[in-house]
């Protein structure tokens, strides 16, 4: 039996959410009180991350999002990654990166020490904002020694292994909204 290295480059799913779905989700989240974004285990560091977030488990009217995303993630995983995914144990998160706060998230991976963060296998980020509504705020990945900038297509889902380094550069004008969810499974080995 031969073992192969996991795929490191991202997979893109165009129109994972329609423009109407993006509008609907942003409206649902914007109507909620947003929280200051933290890091794993509830710590905060505005030098590393400055954003406002909402967890979709706290918004019952947003249950349709996970239903819609799970099938797409399963198909992309089957076709491109082949990870052993067992569940989606964490709530999906919508982040608002506003220029008034120079919203950003510095280099990090999504595998961490928390109960669920330790089980993250895949990260899925969906661009909710129209790219004309903001400047800066690029999602960048470092799957290896190269830098990959994710296209800014509204509704585009970007899937990548949770251990890949990534960041959101500071938003300099307007507001960038994104949806993030994680697929979980046994530890990589």
Protein backbone atom coordinates (compact mmCIF):
# COMPACT_ATOMS: atom_id res chain seq x y z
CA UNK A 1 0.00 0.00 0.00
CA UNK A 2 1.51 3.35 -1.00
CA UNK A 3 0.91 6.48 0.97
CA UNK A 4 0.69 9.80 -0.80
CA UNK A 5 1.09 13.29 0.57
CA UNK A 6 -2.15 15.20 1.06
CA UNK A 7 -3.12 17.74 -1.55
CA UNK A 8 -1.96 21.18 -0.40
CA UNK A 9 -3.29 23.45 -3.12
CA UNK A 10 -6.79 24.86 -2.67
CA UNK A 11 -9.90 23.66 -4.45
CA UNK A 12 -12.36 26.27 -5.69
CA UNK A 13 -16.11 25.74 -5.92
CA UNK A 14 -17.67 28.59 -7.94
CA UNK A 15 -21.15 29.68 -6.87
CA UNK A 16 -21.12 27.54 -3.71
CA UNK A 17 -23.64 30.16 -2.60
CA UNK A 18 -25.62 32.31 -5.02
CA UNK A 19 -25.55 36.10 -4.82
CA UNK A 20 -29.05 35.97 -3.33
CA UNK A 21 -27.86 33.46 -0.71
CA UNK A 22 -24.89 35.70 0.14
CA UNK A 23 -27.24 38.69 0.56
CA UNK A 24 -29.62 36.63 2.71
CA UNK A 25 -26.83 35.38 4.97
CA UNK A 26 -25.24 38.81 5.40
CA UNK A 27 -28.64 40.29 6.30
CA UNK A 28 -29.28 37.54 8.89
CA UNK A 29 -25.87 38.06 10.49
CA UNK A 30 -25.95 41.88 10.34
CA UNK A 31 -29.24 41.82 12.29
CA UNK A 32 -27.47 40.04 15.19
CA UNK A 33 -25.12 41.50 17.77
CA UNK A 34 -21.65 40.63 16.47
CA UNK A 35 -18.79 39.58 18.76
CA UNK A 36 -15.17 40.61 18.69
CA UNK A 37 -13.35 37.78 16.92
CA UNK A 38 -11.06 35.74 19.08
CA UNK A 39 -8.57 32.94 18.68
CA UNK A 40 -8.72 29.32 19.84
CA UNK A 41 -9.79 28.87 23.48
CA UNK A 42 -11.37 32.33 23.67
CA UNK A 43 -8.19 34.39 23.66
CA UNK A 44 -7.98 37.63 21.68
CA UNK A 45 -5.16 39.54 20.05
CA UNK A 46 -6.03 42.46 17.80
CA UNK A 47 -2.50 42.37 16.42
CA UNK A 48 -3.33 38.94 14.99
CA UNK A 49 -7.05 39.23 14.29
CA UNK A 50 -9.41 42.17 14.10
CA UNK A 51 -12.92 41.27 12.95
CA UNK A 52 -16.48 40.88 14.16
CA UNK A 53 -18.10 37.45 14.03
CA UNK A 54 -21.34 35.57 14.44
CA UNK A 55 -21.72 31.81 14.92
CA UNK A 56 -24.49 30.39 12.75
CA UNK A 57 -25.63 27.97 15.48
CA UNK A 58 -26.84 31.11 17.29
CA UNK A 59 -29.05 32.05 14.31
CA UNK A 60 -31.74 29.38 13.75
CA UNK A 61 -32.84 30.99 10.46
CA UNK A 62 -29.39 30.23 9.03
CA UNK A 63 -29.61 26.42 9.33
CA UNK A 64 -29.95 26.15 5.54
CA UNK A 65 -26.30 27.21 5.12
CA UNK A 66 -24.85 24.00 6.54
CA UNK A 67 -27.32 21.87 4.58
CA UNK A 68 -26.19 23.56 1.40
CA UNK A 69 -22.45 23.44 2.17
CA UNK A 70 -22.08 19.86 3.45
CA UNK A 71 -22.92 18.22 0.11
CA UNK A 72 -20.50 20.51 -1.75
CA UNK A 73 -17.71 19.88 0.74
CA UNK A 74 -18.28 16.10 0.59
CA UNK A 75 -18.06 16.13 -3.22
CA UNK A 76 -14.92 18.30 -3.29
CA UNK A 77 -13.28 16.12 -0.65
CA UNK A 78 -14.12 12.94 -2.56
CA UNK A 79 -12.81 14.36 -5.85
CA UNK A 80 -9.72 16.23 -4.60
CA UNK A 81 -8.57 15.51 -1.05
CA UNK A 82 -9.75 12.08 0.11
CA UNK A 83 -9.59 13.09 3.78
CA UNK A 84 -11.23 10.94 6.44
CA UNK A 85 -14.03 13.35 7.36
CA UNK A 86 -16.43 12.22 10.04
CA UNK A 87 -18.44 15.33 10.92
CA UNK A 88 -18.95 19.08 11.00
CA UNK A 89 -18.82 19.44 14.78
CA UNK A 90 -18.32 23.21 14.98
CA UNK A 91 -20.71 25.96 14.11
CA UNK A 92 -20.01 27.83 10.90
CA UNK A 93 -18.81 31.39 11.41
CA UNK A 94 -19.47 34.58 9.49
CA UNK A 95 -16.79 37.24 9.82
CA UNK A 96 -17.06 40.95 9.09
CA UNK A 97 -13.76 42.66 8.28
CA UNK A 98 -14.38 46.42 8.25
CA UNK A 99 -12.02 49.13 7.06
CA UNK A 100 -12.90 51.26 10.11
CA UNK A 101 -10.98 48.69 12.22
CA UNK A 102 -8.50 47.65 9.52
CA UNK A 103 -10.06 44.20 9.78
CA UNK A 104 -7.58 41.41 9.20
CA UNK A 105 -6.40 37.98 10.33
CA UNK A 106 -2.64 37.41 10.27
CA UNK A 107 -0.90 34.17 9.24
CA UNK A 108 -2.32 31.12 11.03
CA UNK A 109 -3.47 27.56 10.53
CA UNK A 110 -6.85 26.32 11.69
CA UNK A 111 -5.64 23.29 13.63
CA UNK A 112 -5.35 24.21 17.28
CA UNK A 113 -5.50 22.98 20.84
CA UNK A 114 -9.25 23.28 21.36
CA UNK A 115 -11.53 20.24 21.50
CA UNK A 116 -12.81 20.76 17.95
CA UNK A 117 -9.86 22.73 16.56
CA UNK A 118 -7.63 19.68 17.12
CA UNK A 119 -9.93 17.64 14.83
CA UNK A 120 -10.10 20.10 11.93
CA UNK A 121 -9.17 18.47 8.63
CA UNK A 122 -10.44 20.97 6.07
CA UNK A 123 -11.17 24.69 6.09
CA UNK A 124 -13.87 26.10 3.81
CA UNK A 125 -14.08 29.87 3.23
CA UNK A 126 -16.88 31.38 1.14
CA UNK A 127 -16.62 34.94 -0.20
CA UNK A 128 -19.92 36.63 0.67
CA UNK A 129 -19.16 40.23 -0.33
CA UNK A 130 -19.23 41.66 -3.80
CA UNK A 131 -15.53 42.29 -4.54
CA UNK A 132 -16.35 45.88 -5.58
CA UNK A 133 -17.56 46.62 -2.01
CA UNK A 134 -14.12 46.58 -0.40
CA UNK A 135 -10.38 47.01 -0.92
CA UNK A 136 -7.64 44.98 0.74
CA UNK A 137 -8.97 41.95 2.57
CA UNK A 138 -7.29 39.39 0.32
CA UNK A 139 -7.43 35.76 1.40
CA UNK A 140 -3.90 34.46 0.92
CA UNK A 141 -2.65 30.89 1.36
CA UNK A 142 0.83 29.46 1.82
CA UNK A 143 0.33 25.81 0.90
CA UNK A 144 4.09 25.50 0.36
CA UNK A 145 6.84 28.03 -0.36
CA UNK A 146 4.56 29.94 -2.74
CA UNK A 147 1.91 32.53 -1.96
CA UNK A 148 -1.54 31.97 -3.46
CA UNK A 149 -4.11 34.77 -3.53
CA UNK A 150 -7.69 33.51 -3.69
CA UNK A 151 -9.91 34.94 -6.45
CA UNK A 152 -12.56 37.40 -5.23
CA UNK A 153 -15.63 35.89 -6.83
CA UNK A 154 -18.81 36.30 -4.81
CA UNK A 155 -20.13 32.94 -3.63
CA UNK A 156 -16.80 31.18 -4.33
CA UNK A 157 -15.85 28.51 -1.79
CA UNK A 158 -12.17 27.88 -1.21
CA UNK A 159 -11.32 24.54 0.40
CA UNK A 160 -7.90 23.65 1.78
CA UNK A 161 -6.31 21.45 4.46
CA UNK A 162 -6.76 23.02 7.89
CA UNK A 163 -2.99 22.93 8.52
CA UNK A 164 -2.22 25.24 5.56
CA UNK A 165 -1.09 28.72 6.62
CA UNK A 166 -3.46 31.47 5.50
CA UNK A 167 -4.40 35.06 6.27
CA UNK A 168 -6.76 37.90 5.42
CA UNK A 169 -4.87 41.11 4.64
CA UNK A 170 -6.16 44.35 6.21
CA UNK A 171 -9.32 45.79 4.68
CA UNK A 172 -8.54 49.38 3.66
CA UNK A 173 -11.95 50.41 2.28
CA UNK A 174 -15.46 49.06 2.75
CA UNK A 175 -16.40 45.73 4.32
CA UNK A 176 -15.48 42.12 3.54
CA UNK A 177 -17.90 39.41 4.70
CA UNK A 178 -16.94 35.73 4.64
CA UNK A 179 -18.32 32.41 5.79
CA UNK A 180 -15.94 29.86 7.33
CA UNK A 181 -16.66 26.28 8.29
CA UNK A 182 -14.53 23.29 9.12
CA UNK A 183 -14.78 19.58 8.37
CA UNK A 184 -13.51 17.30 11.14
CA UNK A 185 -12.04 13.83 11.44
CA UNK A 186 -9.28 11.78 13.00
CA UNK A 187 -5.86 13.42 13.29
CA UNK A 188 -3.63 13.52 10.24
CA UNK A 189 -0.91 10.88 10.38
